[in-house]
Amino acid sequence: MTGPVTSPTYTIGNSYDGLSHLDLYRFDGLTEADWGALEPYFEDAICFVEWPERAGAWLPEPRLRVTIRHESAVRRLIEFESSEAGLLDCLFRDADPRL
């Protein structure tokens, strides 16, 4: 995919070719009806979800938590966590260890 990805803050979600971006900030939790409206974003796509804790157990597996921390004005630390066995190894097996 090339081109800008915009924040879905006012629309809840945006879909792109094979990629979805959701912002669940305005939810206190999901109902079955809410999930019915959000579920199509996950079909055949990698889905980035801001405020995932608002979805509770509704989010499908596998899950990868990405945390971005500001180390300085020009440096960021990106952390990846998953309880899915082997997911991180699969994603990063060919990564440059110097990064």
C-alpha atoms as a PDB file:
ATOM      1  CA  MET A   1       0.000   0.000   0.000  1.00  0.00           C
ATOM      2  CA  THR A   2       1.210   3.498  -0.776  1.00  0.00           C
ATOM      3  CA  GLY A   3      -0.327   6.821   0.163  1.00  0.00           C
ATOM      4  CA  PRO A   4      -1.438   8.458   3.380  1.00  0.00           C
ATOM      5  CA  VAL A   5      -3.312   6.676   6.138  1.00  0.00           C
ATOM      6  CA  THR A   6      -5.560   9.057   8.031  1.00  0.00           C
ATOM      7  CA  SER A   7      -6.771   8.852  11.599  1.00  0.00           C
ATOM      8  CA  PRO A   8     -10.272   7.420  11.998  1.00  0.00           C
ATOM      9  CA  THR A   9     -10.906   9.530  15.124  1.00  0.00           C
ATOM     10  CA  TYR A  10     -14.200  10.933  13.847  1.00  0.00           C
ATOM     11  CA  THR A  11     -15.276   7.949  11.753  1.00  0.00           C
ATOM     12  CA  ILE A  12     -14.337   4.985  14.025  1.00  0.00           C
ATOM     13  CA  GLY A  13     -12.640   3.123  11.163  1.00  0.00           C
ATOM     14  CA  ASN A  14     -10.931   3.448   7.797  1.00  0.00           C
ATOM     15  CA  SER A  15     -10.283   0.619   5.342  1.00  0.00           C
ATOM     16  CA  TYR A  16      -7.549   0.418   2.770  1.00  0.00           C
ATOM     17  CA  ASP A  17      -6.466  -2.422   0.498  1.00  0.00           C
ATOM     18  CA  GLY A  18      -5.668  -5.186   3.010  1.00  0.00           C
ATOM     19  CA  LEU A  19      -5.369  -2.779   5.940  1.00  0.00           C
ATOM     20  CA  SER A  20      -7.871  -1.402   8.440  1.00  0.00           C
ATOM     21  CA  HIS A  21      -7.388   1.234  11.126  1.00  0.00           C
ATOM     22  CA  LEU A  22      -9.873   1.546  13.992  1.00  0.00           C
ATOM     23  CA  ASP A  23     -10.077   4.056  16.839  1.00  0.00           C
ATOM     24  CA  LEU A  24     -12.255   2.710  19.659  1.00  0.00           C
ATOM     25  CA  TYR A  25     -11.750   5.664  22.007  1.00  0.00           C
ATOM     26  CA  ARG A  26     -15.434   6.609  22.043  1.00  0.00           C
ATOM     27  CA  PHE A  27     -16.556   3.117  23.114  1.00  0.00           C
ATOM     28  CA  ASP A  28     -16.964   2.126  26.758  1.00  0.00           C
ATOM     29  CA  GLY A  29     -17.193  -1.495  25.645  1.00  0.00           C
ATOM     30  CA  LEU A  30     -18.612  -3.347  22.659  1.00  0.00           C
ATOM     31  CA  THR A  31     -22.037  -4.860  22.276  1.00  0.00           C
ATOM     32  CA  GLU A  32     -22.878  -7.570  19.779  1.00  0.00           C
ATOM     33  CA  ALA A  33     -24.340  -4.888  17.480  1.00  0.00           C
ATOM     34  CA  ASP A  34     -21.152  -2.803  17.749  1.00  0.00           C
ATOM     35  CA  TRP A  35     -19.046  -5.821  16.871  1.00  0.00           C
ATOM     36  CA  GLY A  36     -21.315  -6.569  13.915  1.00  0.00           C
ATOM     37  CA  ALA A  37     -20.501  -3.113  12.527  1.00  0.00           C
ATOM     38  CA  LEU A  38     -16.748  -3.489  13.196  1.00  0.00           C
ATOM     39  CA  GLU A  39     -16.222  -7.104  12.138  1.00  0.00           C
ATOM     40  CA  PRO A  40     -15.950  -6.350   8.385  1.00  0.00           C
ATOM     41  CA  TYR A  41     -12.807  -4.283   9.063  1.00  0.00           C
ATOM     42  CA  PHE A  42     -11.051  -7.516  10.089  1.00  0.00           C
ATOM     43  CA  GLU A  43     -11.961  -9.567   7.003  1.00  0.00           C
ATOM     44  CA  ASP A  44      -8.868 -10.274   4.886  1.00  0.00           C
ATOM     45  CA  ALA A  45      -6.989  -7.373   6.473  1.00  0.00           C
ATOM     46  CA  ILE A  46      -4.364  -6.487   8.983  1.00  0.00           C
ATOM     47  CA  CYS A  47      -6.160  -4.294  11.477  1.00  0.00           C
ATOM     48  CA  PHE A  48      -4.550  -1.621  13.650  1.00  0.00           C
ATOM     49  CA  VAL A  49      -6.727  -0.821  16.659  1.00  0.00           C
ATOM     50  CA  GLU A  50      -6.246   2.195  18.868  1.00  0.00           C
ATOM     51  CA  TRP A  51      -7.730   1.775  22.364  1.00  0.00           C
ATOM     52  CA  PRO A  52      -8.090  -2.025  21.937  1.00  0.00           C
ATOM     53  CA  GLU A  53      -8.982  -2.480  25.612  1.00  0.00           C
ATOM     54  CA  ARG A  54     -12.376  -0.941  24.777  1.00  0.00           C
ATOM     55  CA  ALA A  55     -13.153  -4.012  22.642  1.00  0.00           C
ATOM     56  CA  GLY A  56     -12.564  -6.514  25.434  1.00  0.00           C
ATOM     57  CA  ALA A  57     -12.501 -10.085  24.152  1.00  0.00           C
ATOM     58  CA  TRP A  58     -14.153  -9.219  20.832  1.00  0.00           C
ATOM     59  CA  LEU A  59     -10.868  -8.716  18.981  1.00  0.00           C
ATOM     60  CA  PRO A  60      -9.885 -11.800  16.962  1.00  0.00           C
ATOM     61  CA  GLU A  61      -6.622 -13.730  17.327  1.00  0.00           C
ATOM     62  CA  PRO A  62      -3.727 -13.498  16.613  1.00  0.00           C
ATOM     63  CA  ARG A  63      -2.983 -10.262  18.394  1.00  0.00           C
ATOM     64  CA  LEU A  64       0.174  -8.195  18.442  1.00  0.00           C
ATOM     65  CA  ARG A  65       0.470  -5.225  20.799  1.00  0.00           C
ATOM     66  CA  VAL A  66       2.624  -2.390  19.474  1.00  0.00           C
ATOM     67  CA  THR A  67       3.657   0.345  21.889  1.00  0.00           C
ATOM     68  CA  ILE A  68       5.459   3.466  20.664  1.00  0.00           C
ATOM     69  CA  ARG A  69       7.329   5.486  23.278  1.00  0.00           C
ATOM     70  CA  HIS A  70       9.028   8.853  22.830  1.00  0.00           C
ATOM     71  CA  GLU A  71      12.659   8.473  23.896  1.00  0.00           C
ATOM     72  CA  SER A  72      13.540  12.004  22.760  1.00  0.00           C
ATOM     73  CA  ALA A  73      12.394  14.580  20.214  1.00  0.00           C
ATOM     74  CA  VAL A  74      13.888  12.478  17.405  1.00  0.00           C
ATOM     75  CA  ARG A  75      13.989   8.931  18.801  1.00  0.00           C
ATOM     76  CA  ARG A  76      11.161   6.418  19.332  1.00  0.00           C
ATOM     77  CA  LEU A  77      11.179   3.035  21.013  1.00  0.00           C
ATOM     78  CA  ILE A  78       8.792   0.536  19.443  1.00  0.00           C
ATOM     79  CA  GLU A  79       7.880  -2.516  21.530  1.00  0.00           C
ATOM     80  CA  PHE A  80       6.090  -5.614  20.243  1.00  0.00           C
ATOM     81  CA  GLU A  81       4.287  -8.085  22.524  1.00  0.00           C
ATOM     82  CA  SER A  82       2.233 -11.173  21.796  1.00  0.00           C
ATOM     83  CA  SER A  83       0.977 -14.169  23.714  1.00  0.00           C
ATOM     84  CA  GLU A  84       0.695 -16.044  20.416  1.00  0.00           C
ATOM     85  CA  ALA A  85       3.438 -18.688  20.357  1.00  0.00           C
ATOM     86  CA  GLY A  86       5.954 -17.993  17.616  1.00  0.00           C
ATOM     87  CA  LEU A  87       4.231 -14.905  16.185  1.00  0.00           C
ATOM     88  CA  LEU A  88       7.099 -12.521  16.950  1.00  0.00           C
ATOM     89  CA  ASP A  89       9.669 -15.023  15.665  1.00  0.00           C
ATOM     90  CA  CYS A  90       7.687 -15.401  12.456  1.00  0.00           C
ATOM     91  CA  LEU A  91       7.340 -11.647  11.950  1.00  0.00           C
ATOM     92  CA  PHE A  92      10.926 -10.719  12.761  1.00  0.00           C
ATOM     93  CA  ARG A  93      13.027 -13.743  11.756  1.00  0.00           C
ATOM     94  CA  ASP A  94      14.668 -11.827   8.875  1.00  0.00           C
ATOM     95  CA  ALA A  95      14.886  -8.472  10.690  1.00  0.00           C
ATOM     96  CA  ASP A  96      18.194  -6.683  11.005  1.00  0.00           C
ATOM     97  CA  PRO A  97      19.292  -7.248  14.648  1.00  0.00           C
ATOM     98  CA  ARG A  98      20.978  -3.818  14.698  1.00  0.00           C
ATOM     99  CA  LEU A  99      17.585  -2.087  14.604  1.00  0.00           C
END
